[in-house]
């Protein structure tokens, strides 16, 4: 089974890349249609790929969202296990039981064979889960999409599913360590600070877990680089994934409105003090990732 995971923290550009890759005619994916429909109707999900790739046609455009790829949390909770859905820590190889391994492999194998396509692509976000899924699927490849943590944190503050507003004792990411607690307290328990800390935690999980991977099965893609040159990066990602560049895919790619317009939206959405807090908290991680050492406040 050729399986490619597209992964990231969430709000990092992974959805855009995943939707582009699954437009490839030789790929399959877990469909929103199957997540929304049970029984025999759900098993018709391979049709989703054809309808999704034809979604630009006038008669189908309004229904395209019904056939898009999904992270399938509800579907995997029902069919496999809840462990994938909202873990409060990164999932490791040691979290894999033989029962879980069999359940996950059977679940993906069934959909891979049903679709009849060379490559199955699946996106998930949050914790890296790299140790967990590489244990279950040693043949899998991983495309990690990452983005400026200040943009990610700002976006989390605006979406309904980010649970940081419940505080670190209630959110999805587990307890803060003593150092993180001290930083949050120094910032008057600012939610902006908490979002920055959350991004640091998740990025650390990717850095730690990916250390054992080679360039053959792990590819880093910086979102800002991708939107600056989507064709070049798409070719590289397709080659990594075992898919060919084609005129059909090039046509599909051209239909996406890829723009860097909101890359720096966080500078407008947050106050000068909030930007300074976010800069301070994310700076070490941003530096590791090669982002310029510039102050949001200075550029506002």
Protein backbone atom coordinates (compact mmCIF):
# COMPACT_ATOMS: atom_id res chain seq x y z
CA UNK A 1 0.00 0.00 0.00
CA UNK A 2 1.36 3.40 -0.98
CA UNK A 3 0.25 5.79 1.74
CA UNK A 4 1.17 9.48 2.05
CA UNK A 5 0.26 11.52 5.12
CA UNK A 6 0.04 15.31 4.80
CA UNK A 7 0.59 16.66 8.29
CA UNK A 8 0.94 19.93 10.22
CA UNK A 9 -0.13 21.88 13.27
CA UNK A 10 -3.44 23.01 11.80
CA UNK A 11 -3.98 26.43 10.17
CA UNK A 12 -0.58 25.90 8.54
CA UNK A 13 -1.60 25.47 4.89
CA UNK A 14 -1.92 21.68 5.00
CA UNK A 15 -5.55 21.80 3.84
CA UNK A 16 -4.63 23.74 0.70
CA UNK A 17 -1.81 21.36 -0.16
CA UNK A 18 -3.91 18.28 0.58
CA UNK A 19 -6.78 19.50 -1.61
CA UNK A 20 -4.33 20.18 -4.43
CA UNK A 21 -2.61 16.79 -4.18
CA UNK A 22 -5.91 14.88 -4.07
CA UNK A 23 -6.88 16.48 -7.37
CA UNK A 24 -4.29 14.15 -8.93
CA UNK A 25 -6.03 11.47 -10.95
CA UNK A 26 -3.87 8.69 -9.49
CA UNK A 27 -4.61 9.52 -5.87
CA UNK A 28 -7.38 8.53 -3.49
CA UNK A 29 -8.36 9.88 -0.07
CA UNK A 30 -10.86 9.62 2.77
CA UNK A 31 -13.91 11.51 1.59
CA UNK A 32 -16.32 13.81 3.38
CA UNK A 33 -19.03 11.78 1.65
CA UNK A 34 -18.05 8.60 3.47
CA UNK A 35 -17.77 10.43 6.77
CA UNK A 36 -21.31 11.78 6.34
CA UNK A 37 -22.94 8.57 5.05
CA UNK A 38 -22.88 5.10 6.57
CA UNK A 39 -23.48 1.66 5.12
CA UNK A 40 -23.51 0.93 1.41
CA UNK A 41 -23.90 4.60 0.51
CA UNK A 42 -20.65 5.41 2.26
CA UNK A 43 -18.90 2.67 0.33
CA UNK A 44 -19.59 4.59 -2.87
CA UNK A 45 -16.95 7.08 -1.75
CA UNK A 46 -14.51 6.23 -4.61
CA UNK A 47 -16.98 8.13 -6.78
CA UNK A 48 -16.14 11.17 -4.64
CA UNK A 49 -12.72 11.46 -6.25
CA UNK A 50 -14.14 11.71 -9.74
CA UNK A 51 -16.74 14.24 -8.66
CA UNK A 52 -14.20 16.26 -6.67
CA UNK A 53 -11.81 16.44 -9.62
CA UNK A 54 -14.69 17.56 -11.82
CA UNK A 55 -15.85 20.09 -9.22
CA UNK A 56 -14.88 23.02 -11.45
CA UNK A 57 -17.72 22.16 -13.83
CA UNK A 58 -20.71 24.49 -13.39
CA UNK A 59 -23.19 21.71 -12.54
CA UNK A 60 -20.93 20.25 -9.83
CA UNK A 61 -19.23 23.31 -8.34
CA UNK A 62 -21.86 23.95 -5.67
CA UNK A 63 -21.54 20.34 -4.45
CA UNK A 64 -17.74 20.10 -4.48
CA UNK A 65 -17.48 20.46 -0.69
CA UNK A 66 -19.43 17.22 -0.23
CA UNK A 67 -16.67 15.23 -1.92
CA UNK A 68 -13.55 16.92 -0.54
CA UNK A 69 -10.90 15.06 1.47
CA UNK A 70 -11.40 15.01 5.23
CA UNK A 71 -9.28 14.28 8.29
CA UNK A 72 -12.06 11.77 9.05
CA UNK A 73 -12.01 12.07 12.83
CA UNK A 74 -15.60 10.94 13.17
CA UNK A 75 -15.18 8.09 10.70
CA UNK A 76 -11.97 6.80 12.30
CA UNK A 77 -13.48 7.14 15.77
CA UNK A 78 -16.38 4.92 14.65
CA UNK A 79 -14.40 2.40 12.65
CA UNK A 80 -11.07 2.23 14.47
CA UNK A 81 -10.47 4.04 17.77
CA UNK A 82 -10.79 7.39 19.55
CA UNK A 83 -7.03 7.54 20.17
CA UNK A 84 -6.49 9.34 16.86
CA UNK A 85 -9.03 12.05 17.53
CA UNK A 86 -8.07 14.18 20.54
CA UNK A 87 -4.94 12.86 22.26
CA UNK A 88 -3.53 15.10 25.00
CA UNK A 89 0.03 14.16 24.04
CA UNK A 90 1.92 13.16 20.94
CA UNK A 91 1.21 9.55 19.99
CA UNK A 92 4.27 7.31 20.01
CA UNK A 93 5.18 3.86 18.75
CA UNK A 94 4.72 2.62 22.32
CA UNK A 95 1.03 3.62 22.12
CA UNK A 96 0.43 1.10 19.33
CA UNK A 97 -1.11 -2.17 20.48
CA UNK A 98 -1.38 -5.15 18.10
CA UNK A 99 -5.14 -4.61 18.13
CA UNK A 100 -4.76 -0.96 17.08
CA UNK A 101 -2.25 -1.83 14.39
CA UNK A 102 -4.59 -4.37 12.85
CA UNK A 103 -7.57 -2.01 13.02
CA UNK A 104 -5.76 0.90 11.41
CA UNK A 105 -4.12 -1.19 8.70
CA UNK A 106 -7.40 -2.90 7.81
CA UNK A 107 -9.22 0.44 7.70
CA UNK A 108 -6.76 2.09 5.29
CA UNK A 109 -6.11 -1.07 3.26
CA UNK A 110 -9.83 -1.52 2.60
CA UNK A 111 -10.17 2.03 1.29
CA UNK A 112 -6.96 1.81 -0.70
CA UNK A 113 -8.14 -1.32 -2.49
CA UNK A 114 -11.67 0.00 -2.95
CA UNK A 115 -10.41 3.15 -4.68
CA UNK A 116 -8.06 1.28 -7.01
CA UNK A 117 -5.59 4.17 -7.20
CA UNK A 118 -1.79 3.91 -6.84
CA UNK A 119 -1.50 6.31 -3.87
CA UNK A 120 -3.77 7.02 -0.90
CA UNK A 121 -3.29 10.49 0.59
CA UNK A 122 -4.54 11.37 4.08
CA UNK A 123 -4.18 14.61 6.05
CA UNK A 124 -4.19 15.03 9.80
CA UNK A 125 -3.22 17.95 12.03
CA UNK A 126 -2.20 18.64 15.61
CA UNK A 127 0.39 16.41 17.30
CA UNK A 128 2.88 14.84 14.90
CA UNK A 129 1.78 11.23 15.64
CA UNK A 130 4.85 10.27 13.57
CA UNK A 131 6.06 7.51 15.87
CA UNK A 132 2.54 6.12 16.09
CA UNK A 133 1.73 5.98 12.38
CA UNK A 134 5.22 4.96 11.24
CA UNK A 135 4.92 1.96 13.59
CA UNK A 136 1.57 1.00 12.05
CA UNK A 137 2.57 1.89 8.48
CA UNK A 138 6.35 1.51 8.08
CA UNK A 139 5.93 1.98 4.33
CA UNK A 140 4.22 5.40 4.71
CA UNK A 141 5.62 8.75 3.65
CA UNK A 142 4.98 12.05 5.42
CA UNK A 143 4.73 15.56 3.96
CA UNK A 144 5.02 18.05 6.81
CA UNK A 145 3.64 21.52 6.06
CA UNK A 146 4.70 24.27 8.44
CA UNK A 147 4.06 28.00 8.60
CA UNK A 148 5.18 31.06 10.54
CA UNK A 149 3.98 30.33 14.08
CA UNK A 150 2.71 33.87 14.58
CA UNK A 151 0.31 33.43 11.66
CA UNK A 152 -0.78 30.03 12.97
CA UNK A 153 -1.36 31.30 16.52
CA UNK A 154 -3.33 34.28 15.24
CA UNK A 155 -5.51 31.99 13.14
CA UNK A 156 -6.19 29.66 16.09
CA UNK A 157 -7.50 32.62 18.07
CA UNK A 158 -10.16 33.11 15.39
CA UNK A 159 -11.47 29.57 14.86
CA UNK A 160 -14.19 27.91 16.99
CA UNK A 161 -12.39 24.60 17.48
CA UNK A 162 -9.25 25.94 19.19
CA UNK A 163 -9.77 24.96 22.82
CA UNK A 164 -7.17 27.30 24.32
CA UNK A 165 -9.91 29.57 25.63
CA UNK A 166 -10.73 26.82 28.13
CA UNK A 167 -7.23 27.18 29.59
CA UNK A 168 -4.38 24.65 29.65
CA UNK A 169 -6.14 22.50 32.26
CA UNK A 170 -9.04 21.87 29.88
CA UNK A 171 -7.61 22.19 26.35
CA UNK A 172 -6.54 19.37 24.03
CA UNK A 173 -2.78 19.64 24.40
CA UNK A 174 -2.18 18.39 27.93
CA UNK A 175 -0.61 20.26 30.86
CA UNK A 176 1.99 23.01 30.56
CA UNK A 177 5.38 22.31 32.07
CA UNK A 178 6.77 24.61 34.78
CA UNK A 179 8.64 26.82 32.31
CA UNK A 180 5.58 27.20 30.06
CA UNK A 181 3.38 27.96 33.08
CA UNK A 182 5.80 30.68 34.17
CA UNK A 183 5.73 32.29 30.72
CA UNK A 184 1.93 32.22 30.65
CA UNK A 185 1.69 33.75 34.12
CA UNK A 186 4.18 36.48 33.19
CA UNK A 187 1.91 37.36 30.27
CA UNK A 188 -1.15 37.68 32.58
CA UNK A 189 -2.52 34.39 31.21
CA UNK A 190 -2.84 35.95 27.77
CA UNK A 191 -4.56 33.70 25.23
CA UNK A 192 -2.22 35.11 22.58
CA UNK A 193 0.68 33.82 24.67
CA UNK A 194 -1.06 30.47 25.11
CA UNK A 195 -1.51 30.13 21.35
CA UNK A 196 2.20 30.80 20.86
CA UNK A 197 3.09 28.21 23.49
CA UNK A 198 0.76 25.72 21.84
CA UNK A 199 2.51 26.19 18.49
CA UNK A 200 5.91 25.69 20.13
CA UNK A 201 4.70 22.45 21.75
CA UNK A 202 3.39 21.00 18.52
CA UNK A 203 6.43 22.01 16.48
CA UNK A 204 8.66 20.39 19.09
CA UNK A 205 6.70 17.17 18.62
CA UNK A 206 7.44 17.26 14.87
CA UNK A 207 11.12 18.07 15.39
CA UNK A 208 11.62 15.30 17.95
CA UNK A 209 9.65 12.60 16.15
CA UNK A 210 11.02 13.31 12.67
CA UNK A 211 14.65 12.94 13.75
CA UNK A 212 14.56 9.22 12.95
CA UNK A 213 13.25 9.76 9.41
CA UNK A 214 15.20 10.08 6.17
CA UNK A 215 14.52 12.26 3.14
CA UNK A 216 13.04 9.18 1.46
CA UNK A 217 10.00 9.16 3.72
CA UNK A 218 9.81 12.64 5.27
CA UNK A 219 9.54 15.96 3.43
CA UNK A 220 9.33 19.42 5.00
CA UNK A 221 7.38 22.03 3.04
CA UNK A 222 7.32 25.64 4.22
CA UNK A 223 3.94 27.14 3.41
CA UNK A 224 5.35 30.53 2.48
CA UNK A 225 7.70 28.88 -0.04
CA UNK A 226 4.89 26.81 -1.50
CA UNK A 227 2.53 29.71 -2.18
CA UNK A 228 5.42 31.67 -3.68
CA UNK A 229 6.11 28.93 -6.28
CA UNK A 230 3.34 26.30 -6.21
CA UNK A 231 4.27 24.63 -9.51
CA UNK A 232 7.89 23.91 -8.55
CA UNK A 233 6.97 22.70 -5.09
CA UNK A 234 4.05 20.61 -6.37
CA UNK A 235 6.39 18.81 -8.76
CA UNK A 236 8.77 18.02 -5.89
CA UNK A 237 5.96 16.80 -3.63
CA UNK A 238 4.44 14.66 -6.38
CA UNK A 239 7.80 13.03 -7.07
CA UNK A 240 8.28 12.36 -3.37
CA UNK A 241 4.78 10.84 -3.21
CA UNK A 242 5.27 8.58 -6.23
CA UNK A 243 2.96 10.57 -8.50
CA UNK A 244 3.75 12.01 -11.93
CA UNK A 245 3.34 15.59 -13.03
CA UNK A 246 0.80 15.67 -15.84
CA UNK A 247 -1.08 18.16 -17.98
CA UNK A 248 -4.27 17.17 -16.15
CA UNK A 249 -2.73 17.95 -12.75
CA UNK A 250 -1.27 21.20 -14.06
CA UNK A 251 -4.76 22.18 -15.18
CA UNK A 252 -6.20 21.29 -11.76
CA UNK A 253 -3.49 23.31 -9.99
CA UNK A 254 -4.22 26.37 -12.12
CA UNK A 255 -7.79 26.47 -10.78
CA UNK A 256 -6.64 27.16 -7.22
CA UNK A 257 -6.43 30.79 -6.14
CA UNK A 258 -3.06 30.68 -4.40
CA UNK A 259 -2.09 34.05 -2.99
CA UNK A 260 0.28 35.25 -0.25
CA UNK A 261 -2.16 38.07 0.59
CA UNK A 262 -2.85 36.91 4.16
CA UNK A 263 0.65 35.70 5.00
CA UNK A 264 1.17 38.68 7.33
CA UNK A 265 -2.45 39.18 8.43
CA UNK A 266 -1.44 38.61 12.05
CA UNK A 267 0.34 41.97 12.02
CA UNK A 268 -3.01 43.68 11.41
CA UNK A 269 -5.15 41.42 13.60
CA UNK A 270 -3.19 41.81 16.85
CA UNK A 271 -2.18 44.82 18.95
CA UNK A 272 1.44 45.96 19.27
CA UNK A 273 1.69 44.47 22.77
CA UNK A 274 0.18 41.17 21.65
CA UNK A 275 2.58 41.02 18.71
CA UNK A 276 5.51 41.61 21.04
CA UNK A 277 4.35 38.73 23.29
CA UNK A 278 3.94 36.40 20.33
CA UNK A 279 7.32 37.38 18.89
CA UNK A 280 9.05 36.67 22.19
CA UNK A 281 7.45 33.25 22.67
CA UNK A 282 7.84 31.92 19.13
CA UNK A 283 11.24 33.46 18.28
CA UNK A 284 13.45 30.44 19.21
CA UNK A 285 11.33 28.01 17.18
CA UNK A 286 11.03 30.43 14.26
CA UNK A 287 14.81 30.80 14.22
CA UNK A 288 15.29 27.02 14.04
CA UNK A 289 12.97 26.94 11.04
CA UNK A 290 14.90 29.65 9.21
CA UNK A 291 12.43 32.50 9.52
CA UNK A 292 13.96 35.98 9.48
CA UNK A 293 14.72 37.43 12.90
CA UNK A 294 12.44 40.44 12.55
CA UNK A 295 10.00 42.02 14.98
CA UNK A 296 6.31 42.15 14.15
CA UNK A 297 6.07 45.39 16.06
CA UNK A 298 8.81 47.05 14.06
CA UNK A 299 7.13 46.10 10.81
CA UNK A 300 3.62 47.14 11.87
